[in-house]
Amino acid sequence: MEENIISLLTHTPAASLGPVRQTYAGTAEFPPMARAYTEVSRVVRETGLLRRAPVFYGLVAAALTLCFAGCVAGFVLLGDSWFQLLIAAALGILFTQVAFLAHEAAHRQILASGPANLRLARILGGVVGMSYSWWDSKHTRHHGNPNRVGKDPDIDVDTISFLDEDAARSRGLVRLITRKQGWLFFPLLTLEGLNLHALSVRHLLSSRDVPGRWQELGLLAVRFAVVLVPVFLLLPLGMAFAFLGVQLAVFGVYMGSSFAPNHKGMPIIAADARLDFFSKQVRTSRNITGGWWATWLMGGLNYQVEHHLFPNMPRIHLSRAREIVREHCATNDVPYTETSLLRSYAIVIAYLNRVGLAARDPFDCPVTATYRRA
């Protein structure tokens, strides 16, 4: 298959922070890959890695239930105490872990049937405080065209700009943020939890046709009542707002920190490029090293390459699939990107700062400014 992919970014030297920017031009960079995915998926199926893992997910659900029960008990026992902020932080972590399960249910990883997984994903989304229908529409488009200009909603501008042309078009306060967006990225994630709740509610109250609108509105109403009513009834007003702020901040930072390493700073695919499925998914995804602890920390998102190739594969099987995919990539000369969690954050920050340069006044350059004054 003839491919033509052109990154919108320039090449970064090998001594820099890794694949922050790469250029793929012409067809020489991409070998014929028409049968690549067929071959690797056959091996994966024969190895049994697409089988459901009910025992694993049952244990995860039981562990999360016990942790939520512990938070409730701690909340009641602590009473009017600033140690309640520890409970708030713990809830932010637990809600993120539930979001990982909702993500897996949406990908049909947990239960045997599609409808059962859909119902579970909708319920778990309600527990987190997010609309499943809003997230599913967005995430499906992302999986189909990761990092493709005009088709991946995850690189659309939303305060943070992921493309030079978006950064150049920014105005006002957003432009000021964009100039330093790499350094501001993680601080801004403290607001992402609130943003996700607001986007979900706005989606469900919009005039568009929303599947399961009333079920999701009901779930969100119950969820917010269960969380907010006890907090504002049992805690002083200032402490209640602090509790809510910490919970939302931890949730937003944890969510953003888990998803950001996956594609940010990887090659950008031009809108009119042609690329086979296997190359498209592997070249735009980044894995995080660390083994079991990274899998628990990131809900399996550390195996982003394998997740994009086999989105319905249960979390517990992704590490074994990694070995198969790595060998297949080496055989077919397809770059397989894997790095540590901290290095991935450095890559993301450097990438966002580089894109943010497009929002700066060209006369900010001291040399240019000198000649301008002359």
Protein backbone atom coordinates (compact mmCIF):
# COMPACT_ATOMS: atom_id res chain seq x y z
CA MET A 1 0.00 0.00 0.00
CA GLU A 2 1.31 3.39 -0.95
CA GLU A 3 1.41 5.78 1.97
CA ASN A 4 1.98 9.47 2.20
CA ILE A 5 2.21 11.05 5.63
CA ILE A 6 3.62 14.46 6.31
CA SER A 7 4.12 15.62 9.87
CA LEU A 8 3.40 19.26 10.44
CA LEU A 9 6.45 19.48 12.65
CA THR A 10 10.20 19.49 12.12
CA HIS A 11 12.81 16.89 13.07
CA THR A 12 14.37 16.93 16.52
CA PRO A 13 18.02 15.84 16.82
CA ALA A 14 18.63 12.50 18.51
CA ALA A 15 20.32 14.21 21.43
CA SER A 16 17.19 16.17 22.32
CA LEU A 17 14.16 15.05 24.25
CA GLY A 18 13.23 12.23 21.92
CA PRO A 19 10.39 12.13 19.40
CA VAL A 20 8.99 15.56 20.22
CA ARG A 21 8.97 16.41 16.52
CA GLN A 22 9.37 14.22 13.50
CA THR A 23 8.91 14.69 9.78
CA TYR A 24 7.65 11.88 7.59
CA ALA A 25 7.61 12.83 3.93
CA GLY A 26 7.14 10.80 0.79
CA THR A 27 6.77 7.04 0.57
CA ALA A 28 10.32 5.91 1.32
CA GLU A 29 9.76 6.11 5.10
CA PHE A 30 6.88 3.65 5.05
CA PRO A 31 7.28 0.06 3.80
CA PRO A 32 4.27 -1.75 2.35
CA MET A 33 2.12 -2.78 5.33
CA ALA A 34 -1.07 -4.07 3.75
CA ARG A 35 -0.93 -7.38 5.66
CA ALA A 36 0.82 -6.19 8.81
CA TYR A 37 -2.23 -5.85 11.01
CA THR A 38 -3.76 -9.08 9.72
CA GLU A 39 -0.64 -10.99 10.67
CA VAL A 40 -0.18 -9.53 14.14
CA SER A 41 -3.88 -9.83 15.00
CA ARG A 42 -3.83 -13.51 13.98
CA VAL A 43 -0.99 -14.19 16.45
CA VAL A 44 -2.80 -12.25 19.17
CA ARG A 45 -6.03 -14.20 18.65
CA GLU A 46 -4.25 -17.53 18.60
CA THR A 47 -2.50 -16.63 21.86
CA GLY A 48 -5.89 -15.99 23.48
CA LEU A 49 -5.18 -12.39 24.44
CA LEU A 50 -8.61 -11.15 23.34
CA ARG A 51 -10.45 -13.34 25.85
CA ARG A 52 -12.41 -11.54 28.56
CA ALA A 53 -10.89 -11.46 32.07
CA PRO A 54 -13.87 -11.48 34.48
CA VAL A 55 -11.86 -12.53 37.53
CA PHE A 56 -9.37 -9.69 37.09
CA TYR A 57 -12.06 -7.04 36.66
CA GLY A 58 -14.05 -8.52 39.54
CA LEU A 59 -11.03 -8.09 41.82
CA VAL A 60 -10.48 -4.51 40.60
CA ALA A 61 -14.14 -3.67 41.26
CA ALA A 62 -13.97 -5.20 44.74
CA ALA A 63 -10.79 -3.27 45.58
CA LEU A 64 -12.31 0.03 44.43
CA THR A 65 -15.51 -0.65 46.38
CA LEU A 66 -13.50 -1.26 49.56
CA CYS A 67 -11.52 1.93 48.97
CA PHE A 68 -14.69 3.99 48.50
CA ALA A 69 -16.13 2.46 51.68
CA GLY A 70 -12.94 3.40 53.51
CA CYS A 71 -13.25 6.99 52.27
CA VAL A 72 -16.85 7.21 53.45
CA ALA A 73 -15.90 5.84 56.87
CA GLY A 74 -12.95 8.22 57.12
CA PHE A 75 -15.14 11.17 56.10
CA VAL A 76 -17.66 10.39 58.85
CA LEU A 77 -15.03 9.74 61.53
CA LEU A 78 -12.91 12.81 60.81
CA GLY A 79 -15.81 15.24 60.97
CA ASP A 80 -14.87 18.94 61.10
CA SER A 81 -11.17 18.51 60.36
CA TRP A 82 -8.80 19.75 57.67
CA PHE A 83 -7.59 16.16 57.38
CA GLN A 84 -10.73 15.78 55.28
CA LEU A 85 -8.63 17.10 52.40
CA LEU A 86 -6.80 13.76 52.42
CA ILE A 87 -10.15 12.06 51.86
CA ALA A 88 -10.84 14.50 49.02
CA ALA A 89 -7.52 13.65 47.37
CA ALA A 90 -8.22 9.94 47.76
CA LEU A 91 -11.62 10.38 46.10
CA GLY A 92 -9.96 12.19 43.19
CA ILE A 93 -7.71 9.16 42.69
CA LEU A 94 -10.58 6.66 43.02
CA PHE A 95 -12.83 8.52 40.58
CA THR A 96 -9.97 8.41 38.05
CA GLN A 97 -9.62 4.67 38.58
CA VAL A 98 -13.36 4.30 37.93
CA ALA A 99 -12.90 6.39 34.77
CA PHE A 100 -10.30 3.85 33.61
CA LEU A 101 -12.90 1.10 34.06
CA ALA A 102 -15.50 3.15 32.18
CA HIS A 103 -12.99 3.54 29.36
CA GLU A 104 -12.43 -0.23 29.28
CA ALA A 105 -16.14 -1.01 29.35
CA ALA A 106 -16.70 1.41 26.47
CA HIS A 107 -14.11 -0.56 24.50
CA ARG A 108 -15.97 -3.84 25.26
CA GLN A 109 -13.08 -5.14 27.36
CA ILE A 110 -14.93 -6.18 30.52
CA LEU A 111 -18.22 -8.01 29.87
CA ALA A 112 -19.14 -10.59 27.24
CA SER A 113 -21.66 -8.60 25.18
CA GLY A 114 -21.61 -5.16 23.61
CA PRO A 115 -24.91 -3.95 25.15
CA ALA A 116 -23.82 -5.07 28.63
CA ASN A 117 -20.53 -3.21 28.28
CA LEU A 118 -22.38 -0.11 27.06
CA ARG A 119 -24.69 -0.15 30.09
CA LEU A 120 -21.72 -0.61 32.42
CA ALA A 121 -19.78 2.21 30.75
CA ARG A 122 -22.76 4.54 31.10
CA ILE A 123 -23.15 3.70 34.81
CA LEU A 124 -19.43 4.06 35.55
CA GLY A 125 -19.37 7.33 33.62
CA GLY A 126 -22.18 8.54 35.85
CA VAL A 127 -20.16 7.56 38.95
CA VAL A 128 -17.26 9.65 37.66
CA GLY A 129 -19.56 12.55 36.73
CA MET A 130 -19.09 12.34 32.96
CA SER A 131 -21.44 11.75 30.06
CA TYR A 132 -20.70 8.46 28.31
CA SER A 133 -22.31 9.59 25.05
CA TRP A 134 -20.18 12.76 24.94
CA TRP A 135 -16.98 10.90 25.68
CA ASP A 136 -17.73 7.97 23.34
CA SER A 137 -18.30 10.18 20.30
CA LYS A 138 -15.06 12.06 20.93
CA HIS A 139 -12.97 9.02 21.78
CA THR A 140 -14.19 6.95 18.82
CA ARG A 141 -13.03 9.66 16.43
CA HIS A 142 -9.67 9.79 18.20
CA HIS A 143 -9.13 6.03 17.85
CA GLY A 144 -10.00 6.12 14.17
CA ASN A 145 -7.55 8.92 13.36
CA PRO A 146 -5.04 9.55 16.15
CA ASN A 147 -3.09 12.78 15.68
CA ARG A 148 -4.65 13.42 12.26
CA VAL A 149 -5.31 17.09 11.54
CA GLY A 150 -9.01 17.89 11.35
CA LYS A 151 -10.13 14.42 12.44
CA ASP A 152 -8.69 13.80 15.91
CA PRO A 153 -10.62 15.91 18.46
CA ASP A 154 -7.83 15.38 20.99
CA ILE A 155 -5.58 17.79 19.08
CA ASP A 156 -8.26 20.43 18.59
CA VAL A 157 -7.46 23.68 20.35
CA ASP A 158 -9.00 23.97 23.84
CA THR A 159 -6.96 26.62 25.70
CA ILE A 160 -3.91 24.44 24.91
CA SER A 161 -2.81 24.47 21.24
CA PHE A 162 -1.35 21.29 19.77
CA LEU A 163 -0.70 22.67 16.28
CA ASP A 164 1.39 25.67 15.21
CA GLU A 165 -1.44 27.21 13.20
CA ASP A 166 -3.82 27.03 16.17
CA ALA A 167 -1.24 28.69 18.40
CA ALA A 168 -0.74 31.45 15.83
CA ARG A 169 -4.50 32.14 15.76
CA SER A 170 -4.83 32.43 19.55
CA ARG A 171 -5.86 35.80 20.96
CA GLY A 172 -6.14 37.61 24.27
CA LEU A 173 -5.66 35.62 27.48
CA VAL A 174 -5.45 32.35 25.55
CA ARG A 175 -2.54 33.74 23.55
CA LEU A 176 -0.69 34.65 26.74
CA ILE A 177 -1.25 31.12 28.06
CA THR A 178 -0.21 29.56 24.75
CA ARG A 179 3.18 31.28 24.83
CA LYS A 180 4.10 29.31 27.97
CA GLN A 181 1.65 26.46 27.58
CA GLY A 182 4.21 23.72 28.13
CA TRP A 183 5.05 24.97 31.61
CA LEU A 184 1.39 25.76 32.32
CA PHE A 185 0.04 22.42 31.07
CA PHE A 186 0.08 20.54 34.37
CA PRO A 187 -1.10 23.49 36.50
CA LEU A 188 -4.01 23.93 34.06
CA LEU A 189 -4.95 20.28 34.58
CA THR A 190 -6.19 21.22 38.06
CA LEU A 191 -9.19 22.71 36.22
CA GLU A 192 -9.69 19.75 33.89
CA GLY A 193 -11.98 17.87 36.29
CA LEU A 194 -14.38 20.80 36.42
CA ASN A 195 -14.09 21.16 32.64
CA LEU A 196 -15.03 17.49 32.05
CA HIS A 197 -18.11 17.83 34.27
CA ALA A 198 -19.16 21.05 32.53
CA LEU A 199 -18.69 19.61 29.01
CA SER A 200 -20.73 16.55 29.93
CA VAL A 201 -23.66 18.55 31.30
CA ARG A 202 -23.58 20.95 28.34
CA HIS A 203 -23.61 18.02 25.93
CA LEU A 204 -26.59 16.41 27.63
CA LEU A 205 -28.55 19.69 27.73
CA SER A 206 -27.82 20.53 24.09
CA SER A 207 -30.41 20.38 21.32
CA ARG A 208 -28.61 17.60 19.45
CA ASP A 209 -29.81 14.01 19.46
CA VAL A 210 -28.09 12.37 22.45
CA PRO A 211 -28.48 8.60 22.98
CA GLY A 212 -29.43 7.80 26.57
CA ARG A 213 -29.83 11.49 27.44
CA TRP A 214 -32.26 11.04 30.33
CA GLN A 215 -30.49 8.04 31.83
CA GLU A 216 -27.23 9.95 31.88
CA LEU A 217 -28.81 13.11 33.28
CA GLY A 218 -30.36 11.01 36.03
CA LEU A 219 -27.05 9.33 36.80
CA LEU A 220 -25.25 12.68 36.97
CA ALA A 221 -27.94 14.16 39.22
CA VAL A 222 -27.65 11.24 41.65
CA ARG A 223 -23.86 11.33 41.54
CA PHE A 224 -23.54 15.03 42.30
CA ALA A 225 -26.17 14.77 45.04
CA VAL A 226 -24.35 11.88 46.71
CA VAL A 227 -21.03 13.74 46.61
CA LEU A 228 -22.07 17.33 47.26
CA VAL A 229 -24.88 17.05 49.82
CA PRO A 230 -22.87 15.31 52.58
CA VAL A 231 -19.86 17.56 52.00
CA PHE A 232 -21.83 20.79 52.35
CA LEU A 233 -24.07 19.46 55.14
CA LEU A 234 -21.36 18.05 57.39
CA LEU A 235 -18.44 20.42 56.80
CA PRO A 236 -18.11 24.18 57.34
CA LEU A 237 -18.66 26.12 54.14
CA GLY A 238 -15.00 27.05 53.56
CA MET A 239 -13.82 23.53 54.27
CA ALA A 240 -16.52 22.11 51.99
CA PHE A 241 -15.32 24.25 49.07
CA ALA A 242 -11.72 23.30 49.84
CA PHE A 243 -12.72 19.62 49.88
CA LEU A 244 -14.43 19.94 46.53
CA GLY A 245 -11.51 21.91 45.08
CA VAL A 246 -8.94 19.32 46.11
CA GLN A 247 -11.04 16.44 44.81
CA LEU A 248 -11.53 18.11 41.43
CA ALA A 249 -7.88 19.17 41.18
CA VAL A 250 -6.54 15.69 41.93
CA PHE A 251 -9.04 14.13 39.53
CA GLY A 252 -8.10 16.54 36.73
CA VAL A 253 -4.34 16.23 37.18
CA TYR A 254 -4.49 12.43 37.47
CA MET A 255 -6.70 12.09 34.39
CA GLY A 256 -4.61 14.48 32.31
CA SER A 257 -1.31 13.00 33.46
CA SER A 258 -2.50 9.54 32.43
CA PHE A 259 -3.68 10.50 28.95
CA ALA A 260 -1.09 13.17 28.00
CA PRO A 261 1.91 10.82 27.49
CA ASN A 262 0.05 8.66 24.97
CA HIS A 263 0.16 10.82 21.82
CA LYS A 264 1.35 14.34 22.62
CA GLY A 265 4.67 15.01 20.94
CA MET A 266 4.26 12.09 18.56
CA PRO A 267 4.06 12.61 14.76
CA ILE A 268 1.13 14.62 13.43
CA ILE A 269 -0.62 13.18 10.35
CA ALA A 270 -1.60 15.60 7.61
CA ALA A 271 -5.32 15.78 6.82
CA ASP A 272 -4.90 14.38 3.30
CA ALA A 273 -2.28 11.72 4.13
CA ARG A 274 -2.86 8.06 3.33
CA LEU A 275 -1.59 5.55 5.86
CA ASP A 276 -2.40 1.93 6.69
CA PHE A 277 -4.03 1.09 10.02
CA PHE A 278 -1.02 -0.61 11.61
CA SER A 279 1.48 2.15 10.82
CA LYS A 280 -0.99 4.88 11.75
CA GLN A 281 -1.68 3.46 15.19
CA VAL A 282 1.90 2.49 16.07
CA ARG A 283 3.66 5.63 14.80
CA THR A 284 1.36 8.04 16.63
CA SER A 285 1.32 6.20 19.99
CA ARG A 286 3.82 6.08 22.84
CA ASN A 287 4.14 3.39 25.50
CA ILE A 288 5.27 4.04 29.07
CA THR A 289 7.73 1.67 30.72
CA GLY A 290 7.36 0.43 34.29
CA GLY A 291 5.49 -2.84 34.09
CA TRP A 292 2.78 -3.69 36.63
CA TRP A 293 2.96 -0.46 38.64
CA ALA A 294 2.54 1.67 35.51
CA THR A 295 -0.40 -0.52 34.46
CA TRP A 296 -2.15 0.08 37.78
CA LEU A 297 -1.26 3.76 37.86
CA MET A 298 -2.49 4.44 34.31
CA GLY A 299 -5.26 1.87 33.98
CA GLY A 300 -3.47 0.08 31.12
CA LEU A 301 -2.93 3.29 29.14
CA ASN A 302 0.81 2.73 29.50
CA TYR A 303 0.41 0.16 26.71
CA GLN A 304 -1.03 2.72 24.32
CA VAL A 305 0.34 1.10 21.16
CA GLU A 306 -1.31 -2.23 21.94
CA HIS A 307 -4.51 -0.55 23.12
CA HIS A 308 -4.86 1.29 19.81
CA LEU A 309 -4.21 -1.85 17.81
CA PHE A 310 -6.58 -3.98 19.93
CA PRO A 311 -8.97 -1.62 21.75
CA ASN A 312 -11.12 -4.48 23.08
CA MET A 313 -8.18 -6.31 24.70
CA PRO A 314 -8.47 -6.56 28.51
CA ARG A 315 -5.91 -4.61 30.50
CA ILE A 316 -4.30 -7.69 32.01
CA HIS A 317 -3.30 -9.05 28.57
CA LEU A 318 -1.67 -5.91 27.17
CA SER A 319 1.81 -6.66 28.52
CA ARG A 320 1.93 -9.99 26.67
CA ALA A 321 0.63 -8.34 23.50
CA ARG A 322 3.47 -5.83 23.77
CA GLU A 323 6.07 -8.53 23.12
CA ILE A 324 4.23 -9.69 20.01
CA VAL A 325 3.77 -6.17 18.64
CA ARG A 326 7.38 -5.14 19.35
CA GLU A 327 8.69 -8.16 17.46
CA HIS A 328 6.31 -7.47 14.57
CA CYS A 329 7.40 -3.82 14.41
CA ALA A 330 11.07 -4.80 14.37
CA THR A 331 10.42 -7.30 11.56
CA ASN A 332 8.59 -4.70 9.46
CA ASP A 333 10.86 -1.76 10.32
CA VAL A 334 8.10 0.25 11.99
CA PRO A 335 9.32 2.54 14.84
CA TYR A 336 7.99 1.46 18.24
CA THR A 337 8.13 4.27 20.81
CA GLU A 338 8.49 3.53 24.50
CA THR A 339 9.88 5.73 27.28
CA SER A 340 9.66 6.37 31.00
CA LEU A 341 6.78 8.31 32.53
CA LEU A 342 8.92 11.27 33.62
CA ARG A 343 10.66 11.50 30.25
CA SER A 344 7.30 11.43 28.50
CA TYR A 345 6.23 14.44 30.56
CA ALA A 346 9.45 16.25 29.56
CA ILE A 347 8.68 15.47 25.91
CA VAL A 348 5.12 16.77 26.24
CA ILE A 349 6.27 20.00 27.92
CA ALA A 350 8.96 20.60 25.28
CA TYR A 351 6.51 19.90 22.47
CA LEU A 352 3.84 22.25 23.81
CA ASN A 353 6.40 25.00 24.42
CA ARG A 354 7.66 24.62 20.85
CA VAL A 355 4.13 24.89 19.46
CA GLY A 356 3.55 27.89 21.73
CA LEU A 357 6.32 29.78 19.93
CA ALA A 358 3.85 30.38 17.10
CA ALA A 359 1.82 32.59 19.45
CA ARG A 360 4.72 34.92 20.18
CA ASP A 361 5.42 38.29 18.61
CA PRO A 362 8.30 37.84 16.15
CA PHE A 363 9.85 40.99 17.60
CA ASP A 364 10.21 39.22 20.96
CA CYS A 365 13.52 37.96 19.58
CA PRO A 366 16.25 40.19 21.09
CA VAL A 367 18.35 40.19 17.89
CA THR A 368 15.34 41.14 15.76
CA ALA A 369 14.33 43.79 18.25
CA THR A 370 17.83 45.33 18.11
CA TYR A 371 17.69 45.68 14.33
CA ARG A 372 14.14 46.99 14.58
CA ARG A 373 15.21 49.80 16.94
CA ALA A 374 18.14 50.60 14.67
